[in-house]
């Protein structure tokens, strides 16, 4: 099983830049611990906790159309539906899921089982 660290996406509407170009196709990478800690020190986040997702997404989206430096300014100018889409994607790809090998106690057949959050 290949370990995947980058995920492509297509925004429902797309980011419209200052020249009117629409950017819909992008790439999001898995977040690391630093990605989740650094935004907490950002003054914008400290003043308004809702800004956390803006800073966080600007750290993990590596490309959006022709834009290779996706800043917080780009993220805060997305349409609301696109922001929700990206937030859901971020949560989905960064969840603590685990595939484990288990055996049937009756027949001994081995198979993989997906668990939700570790410890559940």
C-alpha atoms as a PDB file:
ATOM      1  CA  UNK A   1       0.000   0.000   0.000  1.00  0.00           C
ATOM      2  CA  UNK A   2       1.492   3.322  -1.107  1.00  0.00           C
ATOM      3  CA  UNK A   3       1.738   6.133   1.448  1.00  0.00           C
ATOM      4  CA  UNK A   4       0.105   9.182  -0.112  1.00  0.00           C
ATOM      5  CA  UNK A   5       1.102  12.691   1.040  1.00  0.00           C
ATOM      6  CA  UNK A   6      -0.435  14.876  -1.683  1.00  0.00           C
ATOM      7  CA  UNK A   7      -4.039  14.985  -2.863  1.00  0.00           C
ATOM      8  CA  UNK A   8      -5.407  16.682  -5.965  1.00  0.00           C
ATOM      9  CA  UNK A   9      -8.719  18.511  -5.860  1.00  0.00           C
ATOM     10  CA  UNK A  10     -11.098  20.464  -8.075  1.00  0.00           C
ATOM     11  CA  UNK A  11     -12.877  23.412  -6.433  1.00  0.00           C
ATOM     12  CA  UNK A  12     -16.631  23.620  -7.052  1.00  0.00           C
ATOM     13  CA  UNK A  13     -16.412  27.282  -8.167  1.00  0.00           C
ATOM     14  CA  UNK A  14     -12.764  28.302  -8.173  1.00  0.00           C
ATOM     15  CA  UNK A  15     -10.582  31.193  -7.092  1.00  0.00           C
ATOM     16  CA  UNK A  16     -10.855  34.274  -9.328  1.00  0.00           C
ATOM     17  CA  UNK A  17      -7.600  36.238  -9.441  1.00  0.00           C
ATOM     18  CA  UNK A  18      -7.198  39.991 -10.073  1.00  0.00           C
ATOM     19  CA  UNK A  19      -7.103  39.439 -13.870  1.00  0.00           C
ATOM     20  CA  UNK A  20     -10.320  37.414 -13.837  1.00  0.00           C
ATOM     21  CA  UNK A  21      -8.641  34.017 -14.289  1.00  0.00           C
ATOM     22  CA  UNK A  22     -10.386  31.139 -12.545  1.00  0.00           C
ATOM     23  CA  UNK A  23      -8.202  28.606 -10.716  1.00  0.00           C
ATOM     24  CA  UNK A  24      -9.979  25.364  -9.757  1.00  0.00           C
ATOM     25  CA  UNK A  25      -7.474  22.500  -9.834  1.00  0.00           C
ATOM     26  CA  UNK A  26      -5.111  22.258  -6.891  1.00  0.00           C
ATOM     27  CA  UNK A  27      -2.975  20.111  -4.638  1.00  0.00           C
ATOM     28  CA  UNK A  28      -3.158  19.756  -0.865  1.00  0.00           C
ATOM     29  CA  UNK A  29      -0.493  17.961   1.147  1.00  0.00           C
ATOM     30  CA  UNK A  30      -0.863  16.219   4.469  1.00  0.00           C
ATOM     31  CA  UNK A  31      -0.409  18.530   7.446  1.00  0.00           C
ATOM     32  CA  UNK A  32       2.437  18.075   9.879  1.00  0.00           C
ATOM     33  CA  UNK A  33       2.570  19.108  13.529  1.00  0.00           C
ATOM     34  CA  UNK A  34       4.175  22.452  12.673  1.00  0.00           C
ATOM     35  CA  UNK A  35       1.328  23.264  10.265  1.00  0.00           C
ATOM     36  CA  UNK A  36      -1.144  22.950  13.119  1.00  0.00           C
ATOM     37  CA  UNK A  37       0.971  24.744  15.744  1.00  0.00           C
ATOM     38  CA  UNK A  38       2.384  27.771  13.863  1.00  0.00           C
ATOM     39  CA  UNK A  39      -1.021  29.322  13.027  1.00  0.00           C
ATOM     40  CA  UNK A  40      -1.840  29.516  16.739  1.00  0.00           C
ATOM     41  CA  UNK A  41       0.886  32.180  17.082  1.00  0.00           C
ATOM     42  CA  UNK A  42      -0.503  34.221  14.169  1.00  0.00           C
ATOM     43  CA  UNK A  43      -2.015  37.500  15.407  1.00  0.00           C
ATOM     44  CA  UNK A  44      -4.926  37.175  12.969  1.00  0.00           C
ATOM     45  CA  UNK A  45      -5.833  33.826  14.539  1.00  0.00           C
ATOM     46  CA  UNK A  46      -5.393  35.173  18.066  1.00  0.00           C
ATOM     47  CA  UNK A  47      -7.780  38.029  17.272  1.00  0.00           C
ATOM     48  CA  UNK A  48     -10.299  35.843  15.462  1.00  0.00           C
ATOM     49  CA  UNK A  49     -10.211  32.057  15.955  1.00  0.00           C
ATOM     50  CA  UNK A  50     -12.225  31.584  12.735  1.00  0.00           C
ATOM     51  CA  UNK A  51      -9.112  32.715  10.830  1.00  0.00           C
ATOM     52  CA  UNK A  52      -7.293  29.513  11.841  1.00  0.00           C
ATOM     53  CA  UNK A  53      -8.562  27.544   8.830  1.00  0.00           C
ATOM     54  CA  UNK A  54      -7.409  30.340   6.478  1.00  0.00           C
ATOM     55  CA  UNK A  55      -3.823  30.215   7.754  1.00  0.00           C
ATOM     56  CA  UNK A  56      -3.836  26.435   7.972  1.00  0.00           C
ATOM     57  CA  UNK A  57      -5.028  25.944   4.395  1.00  0.00           C
ATOM     58  CA  UNK A  58      -2.478  28.467   3.099  1.00  0.00           C
ATOM     59  CA  UNK A  59       0.238  26.246   4.602  1.00  0.00           C
ATOM     60  CA  UNK A  60      -0.957  22.915   3.142  1.00  0.00           C
ATOM     61  CA  UNK A  61      -2.264  23.890  -0.312  1.00  0.00           C
ATOM     62  CA  UNK A  62       0.807  23.723  -2.500  1.00  0.00           C
ATOM     63  CA  UNK A  63      -0.801  24.715  -5.776  1.00  0.00           C
ATOM     64  CA  UNK A  64      -4.041  26.253  -7.011  1.00  0.00           C
ATOM     65  CA  UNK A  65      -4.261  26.492 -10.783  1.00  0.00           C
ATOM     66  CA  UNK A  66      -1.285  28.570 -11.940  1.00  0.00           C
ATOM     67  CA  UNK A  67      -0.698  29.858  -8.389  1.00  0.00           C
ATOM     68  CA  UNK A  68       2.201  28.079  -6.713  1.00  0.00           C
ATOM     69  CA  UNK A  69       2.423  30.340  -3.636  1.00  0.00           C
ATOM     70  CA  UNK A  70      -1.018  30.011  -2.082  1.00  0.00           C
ATOM     71  CA  UNK A  71      -1.140  32.767   0.532  1.00  0.00           C
ATOM     72  CA  UNK A  72      -3.703  33.503   3.225  1.00  0.00           C
ATOM     73  CA  UNK A  73      -4.910  36.320   0.959  1.00  0.00           C
ATOM     74  CA  UNK A  74      -5.791  33.774  -1.736  1.00  0.00           C
ATOM     75  CA  UNK A  75      -7.636  31.543   0.739  1.00  0.00           C
ATOM     76  CA  UNK A  76      -9.607  34.418   2.294  1.00  0.00           C
ATOM     77  CA  UNK A  77     -10.839  35.414  -1.164  1.00  0.00           C
ATOM     78  CA  UNK A  78     -12.284  31.996  -2.008  1.00  0.00           C
ATOM     79  CA  UNK A  79     -16.026  31.635  -2.321  1.00  0.00           C
ATOM     80  CA  UNK A  80     -17.575  30.297   0.907  1.00  0.00           C
ATOM     81  CA  UNK A  81     -18.519  26.970  -0.708  1.00  0.00           C
ATOM     82  CA  UNK A  82     -14.945  26.419  -1.892  1.00  0.00           C
ATOM     83  CA  UNK A  83     -13.611  27.201   1.593  1.00  0.00           C
ATOM     84  CA  UNK A  84     -16.002  24.632   3.119  1.00  0.00           C
ATOM     85  CA  UNK A  85     -14.954  22.102   0.474  1.00  0.00           C
ATOM     86  CA  UNK A  86     -11.266  22.573   1.338  1.00  0.00           C
ATOM     87  CA  UNK A  87     -11.896  22.455   5.087  1.00  0.00           C
ATOM     88  CA  UNK A  88     -13.761  19.160   4.707  1.00  0.00           C
ATOM     89  CA  UNK A  89     -10.995  17.786   2.505  1.00  0.00           C
ATOM     90  CA  UNK A  90      -8.352  18.854   5.045  1.00  0.00           C
ATOM     91  CA  UNK A  91     -10.237  17.069   7.826  1.00  0.00           C
ATOM     92  CA  UNK A  92     -10.786  13.950   5.716  1.00  0.00           C
ATOM     93  CA  UNK A  93      -7.159  13.458   4.633  1.00  0.00           C
ATOM     94  CA  UNK A  94      -5.655  14.322   8.026  1.00  0.00           C
ATOM     95  CA  UNK A  95      -7.893  12.173  10.253  1.00  0.00           C
ATOM     96  CA  UNK A  96      -6.239   9.634  12.524  1.00  0.00           C
ATOM     97  CA  UNK A  97      -7.366   6.558  10.666  1.00  0.00           C
ATOM     98  CA  UNK A  98      -5.626   3.253  10.846  1.00  0.00           C
ATOM     99  CA  UNK A  99      -5.815   0.053   8.844  1.00  0.00           C
ATOM    100  CA  UNK A 100      -5.053  -2.986  10.968  1.00  0.00           C
ATOM    101  CA  UNK A 101      -4.787  -6.682  10.213  1.00  0.00           C
ATOM    102  CA  UNK A 102      -7.389  -8.729  12.075  1.00  0.00           C
ATOM    103  CA  UNK A 103      -8.356 -12.388  12.074  1.00  0.00           C
ATOM    104  CA  UNK A 104     -11.775 -13.927  12.240  1.00  0.00           C
ATOM    105  CA  UNK A 105     -11.955 -15.820  15.561  1.00  0.00           C
ATOM    106  CA  UNK A 106     -14.049 -18.586  13.942  1.00  0.00           C
ATOM    107  CA  UNK A 107     -12.277 -19.368  10.668  1.00  0.00           C
ATOM    108  CA  UNK A 108      -8.922 -17.599  11.057  1.00  0.00           C
ATOM    109  CA  UNK A 109      -9.384 -15.613   7.814  1.00  0.00           C
ATOM    110  CA  UNK A 110      -7.142 -12.516   7.907  1.00  0.00           C
ATOM    111  CA  UNK A 111      -8.321  -9.168   6.542  1.00  0.00           C
ATOM    112  CA  UNK A 112      -7.778  -5.429   6.994  1.00  0.00           C
ATOM    113  CA  UNK A 113     -10.126  -3.357   9.082  1.00  0.00           C
ATOM    114  CA  UNK A 114     -10.248   0.432   9.182  1.00  0.00           C
ATOM    115  CA  UNK A 115     -10.595   2.070  12.568  1.00  0.00           C
ATOM    116  CA  UNK A 116     -11.616   5.668  13.174  1.00  0.00           C
ATOM    117  CA  UNK A 117      -9.634   7.732  15.636  1.00  0.00           C
ATOM    118  CA  UNK A 118      -6.927   5.840  17.435  1.00  0.00           C
ATOM    119  CA  UNK A 119      -8.085   4.645  20.809  1.00  0.00           C
ATOM    120  CA  UNK A 120     -11.732   4.198  19.798  1.00  0.00           C
END
